[in-house]
Amino acid sequence: MPYNEALGTTLIERSFRERIVLVGVTLPPDDADDTEASLAELRLLVDTAGADEVARLTQSRDRPDPKFFLGKGKAEELRELCLAVDADTVVFDNELTPGQQYNLERLLGRTALDRTAVILDIFAQNAHTQEGKAQVELAILRYRLPRMRRGAEAAMSQQSGGIGTRTRGKGETKLEVDRRAIQRRIDHLVTDLSEMSRTRLLQRKGRDRSGLVNATIVGYTNAGKSSLLNRLTDAGVLVEDRLFATLDPTTRRLSLPGGEPVLLTDTVGFVRRLPHGLVESFKSTLEVATSADFLIHVVDSSAPDPEGQIRAVHEVLGEIEAGRVPELLVFNKADVAPAEADRLVRSHEGSVAVSARTGAGIDGFLRTLSDRLRAMARVTELMVPYERGDVLASIRREGEVVSETYEEEGTRVRARLSDASVGRLSDYVVAPATNERGKVRPA
């Protein structure tokens, strides 16, 4: 099943921008302010997907209504609002069950989507590599499968393409045949992605053998991660002022002020309530953060709620088991919000403020990064025979020499080296690794 066919009209250009009504339901422990902040972000997501918000409806409830998520009266109010503003689609900020989505569409007479579907739609537009497309397709098919109903798919195929239909394929009359076909495709994609993950693992092992530190750039979507990578390495990564412009990882080499080489990898941006299905489908991409030696966590200091964005990123990092990887907080866009950037730096010890656009603060960031990585590096003592000048050259090339003494049997070297370098040079190691204060560090 080709990518375009599997995703229906996902990649077809629209001839108009759909009119969207946004719906937010406040549930404990959130309050109305939390809902408004989340809806503001949903508006940006909808805009990125190629549609416009024309109205908004909110409600506070103790729990979702099992049939409509909203209460019955509020659902009727939503139907009248859609008629009044001539809406094409309704998008809930909350996650709808397949049954709720079906009931809403019958009541409203138009497509009802949730936040997950909009994010999937954006991901589908931005996937370019074979792996990225496979991951998006897997996530969309997993989303569609439990939502397939007899007759519903056929009816949907009559609608025009767009945010309300991009995640829907052509309708089929044989529901079970359809479901089996999608399940087979899901199984096939899982197998393909497992193979791609193994290939990525081999590539990563090759980078590990190089002895270079792997630093991964993470952060909220549109925080400026790709802009920072471009500023540091001239990587030529697409930079757009839109959400999820980067899906496929890009790795480039960077030389720090002391000459130490580092591998920098850009990653997909995170967002509040990033759908679990997307996290699962994109694990092979997100695992670059899990396997990193160090995380560069980029935060948009001009955002309405940078602290909330930091928490959202940490939640995803925890979900992919990258929460314990050391990180450096980098508050970007300091040229846009200098006072807020200064406040954030004061609130987060060891953080830095930069502007990837103007270059302000970049030198200080690089010095801080160099210091942090040097403090993390293990100091290992080695004895190198005089005839093995090649080994001594490798130590100097791959690490930072702390001291050298010349003894009868060879050169005694204390150097900060990566784990990969220590492993390759194990024949010459004569003392356990220590930290900067000389205390023994675990291997």
Protein backbone atom coordinates (compact mmCIF):
# COMPACT_ATOMS: atom_id res chain seq x y z
CA MET A 1 0.00 0.00 0.00
CA PRO A 2 1.72 3.23 -1.12
CA TYR A 3 2.11 6.05 1.39
CA ASN A 4 -0.30 8.42 -0.36
CA GLU A 5 -2.96 5.73 -0.69
CA ALA A 6 -2.61 4.67 2.93
CA LEU A 7 -3.10 8.23 4.16
CA GLY A 8 -5.93 9.08 1.78
CA THR A 9 -5.72 12.73 0.71
CA THR A 10 -3.10 13.69 3.30
CA LEU A 11 -0.59 15.19 0.87
CA ILE A 12 -3.05 16.82 -1.54
CA GLU A 13 -2.96 20.62 -1.57
CA ARG A 14 -6.16 22.32 -0.40
CA SER A 15 -7.97 24.88 -2.51
CA PHE A 16 -9.41 26.61 0.59
CA ARG A 17 -8.82 26.84 4.32
CA GLU A 18 -11.42 25.02 6.38
CA ARG A 19 -13.48 26.88 8.96
CA ILE A 20 -12.96 25.30 12.39
CA VAL A 21 -14.80 25.52 15.69
CA LEU A 22 -12.51 24.74 18.63
CA VAL A 23 -13.94 23.02 21.71
CA GLY A 24 -12.28 22.83 25.11
CA VAL A 25 -13.68 21.01 28.14
CA THR A 26 -12.13 21.87 31.50
CA LEU A 27 -11.70 18.78 33.66
CA PRO A 28 -10.17 18.51 37.16
CA PRO A 29 -7.49 19.46 38.13
CA ASP A 30 -7.31 22.07 35.34
CA ASP A 31 -9.02 25.44 35.51
CA ALA A 32 -10.40 27.80 32.87
CA ASP A 33 -7.01 29.51 32.38
CA ASP A 34 -5.39 26.14 31.62
CA THR A 35 -8.08 25.43 29.04
CA GLU A 36 -7.67 28.82 27.35
CA ALA A 37 -3.88 28.39 27.17
CA SER A 38 -4.30 24.94 25.65
CA LEU A 39 -6.88 26.22 23.15
CA ALA A 40 -4.50 29.00 22.11
CA GLU A 41 -1.95 26.33 21.26
CA LEU A 42 -4.61 24.27 19.46
CA ARG A 43 -5.39 27.32 17.33
CA LEU A 44 -1.74 27.39 16.23
CA LEU A 45 -1.87 23.66 15.50
CA VAL A 46 -5.00 24.11 13.38
CA ASP A 47 -3.39 27.03 11.53
CA THR A 48 -0.31 24.91 10.83
CA ALA A 49 -2.57 22.16 9.49
CA GLY A 50 -4.04 24.66 7.02
CA ALA A 51 -7.32 25.78 8.59
CA ASP A 52 -8.78 28.75 10.48
CA GLU A 53 -10.54 29.03 13.82
CA VAL A 54 -13.88 30.81 13.37
CA ALA A 55 -15.43 30.18 16.80
CA ARG A 56 -14.70 28.64 20.17
CA LEU A 57 -16.82 26.79 22.74
CA THR A 58 -15.83 25.83 26.29
CA GLN A 59 -17.42 23.94 29.16
CA SER A 60 -16.38 22.86 32.66
CA ARG A 61 -17.28 19.34 33.77
CA ASP A 62 -16.38 16.92 36.54
CA ARG A 63 -16.04 14.14 33.97
CA PRO A 64 -16.56 13.69 30.22
CA ASP A 65 -20.02 12.77 28.99
CA PRO A 66 -19.69 9.19 27.67
CA LYS A 67 -21.75 9.96 24.55
CA PHE A 68 -20.64 13.43 23.39
CA PHE A 69 -17.81 14.36 25.81
CA LEU A 70 -19.81 17.59 26.21
CA GLY A 71 -23.15 17.53 27.97
CA LYS A 72 -26.16 16.95 25.71
CA GLY A 73 -27.32 20.56 26.00
CA LYS A 74 -23.83 21.90 25.22
CA ALA A 75 -23.57 19.53 22.27
CA GLU A 76 -26.80 21.01 20.88
CA GLU A 77 -25.35 24.49 21.44
CA LEU A 78 -22.28 23.40 19.48
CA ARG A 79 -24.49 22.25 16.60
CA GLU A 80 -26.22 25.65 16.48
CA LEU A 81 -22.86 27.44 16.62
CA CYS A 82 -21.54 25.40 13.69
CA LEU A 83 -24.58 26.36 11.63
CA ALA A 84 -24.24 30.03 12.58
CA VAL A 85 -20.58 30.32 11.55
CA ASP A 86 -20.80 27.85 8.64
CA ALA A 87 -18.09 25.62 10.13
CA ASP A 88 -16.59 22.75 8.15
CA THR A 89 -15.11 20.84 11.08
CA VAL A 90 -15.12 20.76 14.87
CA VAL A 91 -11.86 20.12 16.74
CA PHE A 92 -11.84 19.12 20.40
CA ASP A 93 -8.82 19.94 22.52
CA ASN A 94 -9.62 16.80 24.49
CA GLU A 95 -9.08 13.25 23.24
CA LEU A 96 -12.31 11.73 21.94
CA THR A 97 -13.15 8.04 22.07
CA PRO A 98 -14.19 6.47 18.74
CA GLY A 99 -17.78 6.33 20.02
CA GLN A 100 -17.84 10.00 21.04
CA GLN A 101 -16.41 11.03 17.70
CA TYR A 102 -19.04 9.01 15.83
CA ASN A 103 -21.92 10.38 17.94
CA LEU A 104 -20.74 13.96 17.52
CA GLU A 105 -20.47 13.63 13.75
CA ARG A 106 -24.02 12.26 13.57
CA LEU A 107 -25.35 15.09 15.73
CA LEU A 108 -23.37 17.89 14.10
CA GLY A 109 -23.57 16.71 10.51
CA ARG A 110 -19.90 17.51 10.01
CA THR A 111 -16.49 16.10 10.84
CA ALA A 112 -15.45 16.01 14.50
CA LEU A 113 -11.77 15.62 15.31
CA ASP A 114 -9.56 15.86 18.38
CA ARG A 115 -6.13 17.29 19.13
CA THR A 116 -4.49 13.97 18.28
CA ALA A 117 -5.92 13.98 14.75
CA VAL A 118 -4.67 17.53 14.09
CA ILE A 119 -1.15 16.64 15.23
CA LEU A 120 -1.23 13.52 13.05
CA ASP A 121 -2.31 15.68 10.12
CA ILE A 122 0.62 18.05 10.62
CA PHE A 123 3.07 15.18 10.98
CA ALA A 124 1.76 13.69 7.73
CA GLN A 125 2.46 16.96 5.90
CA ASN A 126 6.01 17.20 7.24
CA ALA A 127 7.27 13.62 6.84
CA HIS A 128 9.87 13.39 4.08
CA THR A 129 12.18 10.43 4.72
CA GLN A 130 11.17 6.79 4.34
CA GLU A 131 11.34 6.30 8.10
CA GLY A 132 9.40 9.47 8.86
CA LYS A 133 6.62 8.52 6.45
CA ALA A 134 6.44 5.00 7.89
CA GLN A 135 6.18 6.35 11.43
CA VAL A 136 3.41 8.79 10.51
CA GLU A 137 1.50 6.17 8.55
CA LEU A 138 1.70 3.75 11.48
CA ALA A 139 0.37 6.37 13.90
CA ILE A 140 -2.49 7.34 11.57
CA LEU A 141 -3.53 3.75 10.91
CA ARG A 142 -3.50 3.00 14.63
CA TYR A 143 -5.72 6.05 15.11
CA ARG A 144 -8.10 5.07 12.30
CA LEU A 145 -8.50 1.38 13.08
CA PRO A 146 -10.77 1.62 16.17
CA ARG A 147 -12.75 4.44 14.50
CA MET A 148 -13.83 2.45 11.47
CA ARG A 149 -17.59 1.88 11.31
CA ARG A 150 -19.80 0.28 8.70
CA GLY A 151 -20.83 2.93 6.18
CA ALA A 152 -18.95 5.73 7.90
CA GLU A 153 -15.78 5.28 5.86
CA ALA A 154 -17.73 5.26 2.61
CA ALA A 155 -19.52 8.45 3.56
CA MET A 156 -16.28 10.15 4.48
CA SER A 157 -14.73 9.34 1.12
CA GLN A 158 -17.34 11.63 -0.47
CA GLN A 159 -16.03 14.63 1.46
CA SER A 160 -13.40 16.97 0.09
CA GLY A 161 -9.82 16.55 1.28
CA GLY A 162 -8.52 18.61 4.16
CA ILE A 163 -7.89 18.69 7.86
CA GLY A 164 -11.21 16.96 8.43
CA THR A 165 -10.46 14.13 6.02
CA ARG A 166 -6.70 13.86 5.63
CA THR A 167 -6.48 11.06 8.17
CA ARG A 168 -9.35 9.19 6.49
CA GLY A 169 -8.82 6.77 3.63
CA LYS A 170 -11.33 5.87 0.91
CA GLY A 171 -14.49 4.25 2.24
CA GLU A 172 -15.03 0.50 1.94
CA THR A 173 -18.23 -1.48 2.25
CA LYS A 174 -16.62 -4.62 3.73
CA LEU A 175 -15.69 -3.42 7.20
CA GLU A 176 -13.93 -6.54 8.38
CA VAL A 177 -11.92 -6.79 5.16
CA ASP A 178 -10.89 -3.19 5.68
CA ARG A 179 -9.88 -3.78 9.26
CA ARG A 180 -7.83 -6.84 8.39
CA ALA A 181 -6.08 -4.94 5.59
CA ILE A 182 -5.17 -2.09 7.93
CA GLN A 183 -3.98 -4.51 10.62
CA ARG A 184 -1.76 -6.27 8.07
CA ARG A 185 -0.35 -2.91 7.03
CA ILE A 186 0.28 -1.99 10.67
CA ASP A 187 2.12 -5.28 11.23
CA HIS A 188 4.19 -4.66 8.09
CA LEU A 189 5.10 -1.12 9.20
CA VAL A 190 6.10 -2.33 12.67
CA THR A 191 8.45 -4.86 11.04
CA ASP A 192 9.90 -2.25 8.67
CA LEU A 193 10.45 0.25 11.48
CA SER A 194 12.14 -2.40 13.62
CA GLU A 195 14.59 -3.00 10.79
CA MET A 196 15.16 0.75 10.37
CA SER A 197 15.73 1.00 14.12
CA ARG A 198 18.39 -1.71 13.91
CA THR A 199 20.07 0.18 11.07
CA ARG A 200 19.96 3.38 13.14
CA LEU A 201 21.49 1.48 16.07
CA LEU A 202 24.38 0.32 13.88
CA GLN A 203 24.92 3.89 12.68
CA ARG A 204 24.88 5.11 16.27
CA LYS A 205 27.41 2.46 17.29
CA GLY A 206 29.60 3.73 14.47
CA ARG A 207 29.35 7.24 15.87
CA ASP A 208 30.08 5.90 19.37
CA ARG A 209 33.24 4.24 18.07
CA SER A 210 34.34 7.63 16.80
CA GLY A 211 34.77 8.67 20.42
CA LEU A 212 32.66 11.82 19.89
CA VAL A 213 30.12 13.04 22.43
CA ASN A 214 26.53 12.78 21.16
CA ALA A 215 24.45 15.83 22.11
CA THR A 216 20.77 15.87 21.13
CA ILE A 217 18.77 19.08 20.78
CA VAL A 218 15.30 18.71 22.29
CA GLY A 219 12.53 21.16 23.09
CA TYR A 220 9.00 22.27 22.54
CA THR A 221 7.86 22.60 18.95
CA ASN A 222 8.82 25.94 17.36
CA ALA A 223 11.29 26.74 20.16
CA GLY A 224 14.06 27.30 17.60
CA LYS A 225 15.93 23.99 17.69
CA SER A 226 16.65 23.89 13.97
CA SER A 227 17.62 27.57 14.01
CA LEU A 228 20.14 26.84 16.77
CA LEU A 229 21.55 23.86 14.86
CA ASN A 230 21.93 26.03 11.76
CA ARG A 231 23.56 28.83 13.75
CA LEU A 232 26.07 26.40 15.25
CA THR A 233 26.87 24.17 12.28
CA ASP A 234 25.49 25.68 9.04
CA ALA A 235 23.45 22.49 8.70
CA GLY A 236 20.97 23.98 6.23
CA VAL A 237 17.98 22.49 8.06
CA LEU A 238 14.59 23.88 7.03
CA VAL A 239 13.63 26.67 9.42
CA GLU A 240 10.01 27.82 9.47
CA ASP A 241 7.94 29.73 12.01
CA ARG A 242 5.47 26.87 12.25
CA LEU A 243 4.85 23.87 14.46
CA PHE A 244 6.51 20.52 13.75
CA ALA A 245 8.53 21.81 10.77
CA THR A 246 11.21 19.23 11.66
CA LEU A 247 10.33 15.52 11.90
CA ASP A 248 13.42 13.76 10.62
CA PRO A 249 16.60 13.88 12.76
CA THR A 250 19.59 15.79 11.39
CA THR A 251 23.10 15.18 12.76
CA ARG A 252 26.03 17.55 12.28
CA ARG A 253 29.53 17.89 13.77
CA LEU A 254 30.42 20.88 15.95
CA SER A 255 33.79 21.98 17.30
CA LEU A 256 33.63 23.56 20.76
CA PRO A 257 35.88 26.50 21.81
CA GLY A 258 38.52 24.14 23.20
CA GLY A 259 38.58 22.20 19.94
CA GLU A 260 36.57 19.26 21.28
CA PRO A 261 34.34 17.77 18.55
CA VAL A 262 30.68 17.04 19.34
CA LEU A 263 27.90 15.46 17.28
CA LEU A 264 24.69 17.52 17.39
CA THR A 265 21.32 15.99 16.47
CA ASP A 266 18.09 17.93 15.97
CA THR A 267 14.82 16.15 16.83
CA VAL A 268 11.07 16.47 16.39
CA GLY A 269 9.52 19.07 18.67
CA PHE A 270 7.38 18.11 21.62
CA VAL A 271 4.00 19.51 22.57
CA ARG A 272 1.62 19.33 25.52
CA ARG A 273 -0.24 16.04 25.60
CA LEU A 274 1.78 14.61 22.72
CA PRO A 275 -0.37 11.61 21.76
CA HIS A 276 0.93 8.35 23.20
CA GLY A 277 0.40 6.70 19.81
CA LEU A 278 2.77 9.21 18.23
CA VAL A 279 5.36 8.63 20.92
CA GLU A 280 5.10 4.88 20.29
CA SER A 281 5.26 5.26 16.50
CA PHE A 282 8.18 7.71 16.65
CA LYS A 283 10.20 5.80 19.25
CA SER A 284 12.91 4.93 16.74
CA THR A 285 13.37 8.66 16.09
CA LEU A 286 12.92 9.83 19.67
CA GLU A 287 15.42 7.26 20.94
CA VAL A 288 18.23 9.54 19.73
CA ALA A 289 17.45 11.48 22.92
CA THR A 290 17.46 8.31 25.02
CA SER A 291 20.89 7.28 23.74
CA ALA A 292 22.41 10.78 23.87
CA ASP A 293 25.29 11.64 26.17
CA PHE A 294 23.82 15.09 26.73
CA LEU A 295 20.62 17.01 25.97
CA ILE A 296 20.47 20.63 24.82
CA HIS A 297 16.95 21.63 25.88
CA VAL A 298 15.87 24.68 23.85
CA VAL A 299 13.06 26.80 25.32
CA ASP A 300 11.24 29.72 23.66
CA SER A 301 11.66 32.49 26.22
CA SER A 302 9.01 34.58 24.42
CA ALA A 303 6.33 31.88 24.75
CA PRO A 304 3.29 32.58 26.96
CA ASP A 305 4.16 29.72 29.33
CA PRO A 306 7.81 28.63 28.99
CA GLU A 307 7.74 26.81 32.34
CA GLY A 308 4.78 24.75 31.15
CA GLN A 309 6.66 23.92 27.95
CA ILE A 310 9.66 22.76 29.99
CA ARG A 311 7.38 20.47 32.01
CA ALA A 312 5.78 19.10 28.84
CA VAL A 313 9.19 18.24 27.35
CA HIS A 314 10.28 16.58 30.58
CA GLU A 315 7.10 14.48 30.55
CA VAL A 316 7.88 13.14 27.07
CA LEU A 317 11.54 12.58 27.98
CA GLY A 318 10.37 10.56 30.96
CA GLU A 319 8.04 8.52 28.76
CA ILE A 320 10.88 7.56 26.41
CA GLU A 321 13.24 6.89 29.34
CA ALA A 322 15.48 9.87 28.62
CA GLY A 323 14.65 11.76 31.79
CA ARG A 324 18.00 11.01 33.43
CA VAL A 325 20.19 12.20 30.54
CA PRO A 326 22.08 15.38 31.63
CA GLU A 327 20.68 18.55 30.06
CA LEU A 328 21.52 22.20 29.53
CA LEU A 329 18.56 24.59 29.39
CA VAL A 330 18.96 27.13 26.58
CA PHE A 331 16.45 29.99 26.57
CA ASN A 332 16.18 31.02 22.93
CA LYS A 333 14.65 34.14 21.33
CA ALA A 334 16.27 36.39 23.93
CA ASP A 335 16.16 39.16 21.32
CA VAL A 336 12.35 39.00 21.37
CA ALA A 337 11.88 38.84 25.15
CA PRO A 338 15.15 39.92 26.82
CA ALA A 339 13.67 40.61 30.27
CA GLU A 340 11.88 37.26 30.38
CA ALA A 341 15.00 35.43 29.16
CA ASP A 342 17.03 37.02 31.97
CA ARG A 343 14.38 36.05 34.53
CA LEU A 344 14.34 32.45 33.32
CA VAL A 345 18.13 32.19 33.47
CA ARG A 346 18.07 33.46 37.05
CA SER A 347 15.37 30.91 37.90
CA HIS A 348 17.25 27.96 36.40
CA GLU A 349 20.80 27.67 37.67
CA GLY A 350 23.35 26.84 35.00
CA SER A 351 21.08 27.80 32.09
CA VAL A 352 21.94 30.27 29.32
CA ALA A 353 20.04 32.74 27.12
CA VAL A 354 20.69 33.04 23.38
CA SER A 355 19.21 34.30 20.16
CA ALA A 356 19.69 31.77 17.39
CA ARG A 357 18.46 34.42 14.95
CA THR A 358 21.00 37.15 15.82
CA GLY A 359 23.76 35.03 17.35
CA ALA A 360 23.64 36.86 20.69
CA GLY A 361 24.78 34.67 23.57
CA ILE A 362 26.06 31.86 21.34
CA ASP A 363 29.69 32.21 22.46
CA GLY A 364 28.65 31.99 26.11
CA PHE A 365 26.46 28.99 25.34
CA LEU A 366 29.36 27.18 23.68
CA ARG A 367 31.66 27.88 26.63
CA THR A 368 29.02 26.60 29.05
CA LEU A 369 28.44 23.50 26.94
CA SER A 370 32.17 22.84 26.77
CA ASP A 371 32.51 23.21 30.55
CA ARG A 372 29.56 20.91 31.22
CA LEU A 373 30.83 18.20 28.89
CA ARG A 374 34.34 18.45 30.28
CA ALA A 375 33.01 18.08 33.83
CA MET A 376 31.11 14.96 32.75
CA ALA A 377 34.05 13.34 30.99
CA ARG A 378 35.81 10.59 32.90
CA VAL A 379 39.44 11.21 33.78
CA THR A 380 41.29 8.00 32.97
CA GLU A 381 44.94 7.15 33.58
CA LEU A 382 46.80 5.25 30.87
CA MET A 383 50.34 3.97 30.33
CA VAL A 384 51.40 4.20 26.70
CA PRO A 385 54.66 2.53 25.53
CA TYR A 386 57.04 4.94 23.83
CA GLU A 387 56.83 2.98 20.57
CA ARG A 388 53.03 3.52 20.42
CA GLY A 389 52.97 7.13 19.35
CA ASP A 390 49.80 6.35 17.39
CA VAL A 391 47.95 5.53 20.64
CA LEU A 392 49.14 8.76 22.24
CA ALA A 393 47.95 10.66 19.17
CA SER A 394 44.51 9.00 19.47
CA ILE A 395 44.23 10.05 23.11
CA ARG A 396 45.06 13.65 22.22
CA ARG A 397 42.67 13.62 19.27
CA GLU A 398 39.69 12.03 21.05
CA GLY A 399 39.99 13.55 24.51
CA GLU A 400 41.54 16.23 26.65
CA VAL A 401 44.94 15.48 28.20
CA VAL A 402 45.07 16.54 31.86
CA SER A 403 48.70 15.56 32.48
CA GLU A 404 51.61 13.62 30.96
CA THR A 405 54.64 12.19 32.77
CA TYR A 406 57.50 10.29 31.22
CA GLU A 407 58.53 7.11 33.00
CA GLU A 408 60.79 4.18 32.27
CA GLU A 409 58.10 2.00 30.68
CA GLY A 410 56.34 4.76 28.73
CA THR A 411 54.21 7.90 28.93
CA ARG A 412 51.72 8.05 31.81
CA VAL A 413 48.70 10.04 30.64
CA ARG A 414 45.66 11.32 32.55
CA ALA A 415 42.96 12.33 30.10
CA ARG A 416 39.25 13.01 29.91
CA LEU A 417 37.87 10.41 27.52
CA SER A 418 34.47 9.17 26.44
CA ASP A 419 33.35 5.68 27.41
CA ALA A 420 33.81 4.57 23.80
CA SER A 421 37.42 5.79 23.75
CA VAL A 422 38.18 4.19 27.12
CA GLY A 423 36.82 0.90 25.80
CA ARG A 424 39.04 0.99 22.72
CA LEU A 425 42.11 1.93 24.78
CA SER A 426 41.43 -0.55 27.60
CA ASP A 427 44.78 -2.33 27.04
CA TYR A 428 46.55 0.83 28.21
CA VAL A 429 44.27 1.80 31.13
CA VAL A 430 46.09 1.55 34.47
CA ALA A 431 43.75 3.39 36.88
CA PRO A 432 39.97 3.69 37.28
CA ALA A 433 38.19 6.71 35.87
CA THR A 434 37.65 9.66 38.21
CA ASN A 435 35.70 12.88 38.18
CA GLU A 436 37.28 16.33 38.23
CA ARG A 437 37.91 16.17 41.98
CA GLY A 438 39.77 12.90 41.66
CA LYS A 439 37.01 10.75 43.13
CA VAL A 440 36.47 7.37 41.51
CA ARG A 441 33.50 7.38 39.14
CA PRO A 442 31.54 4.24 38.29
CA ALA A 443 32.06 2.91 34.81
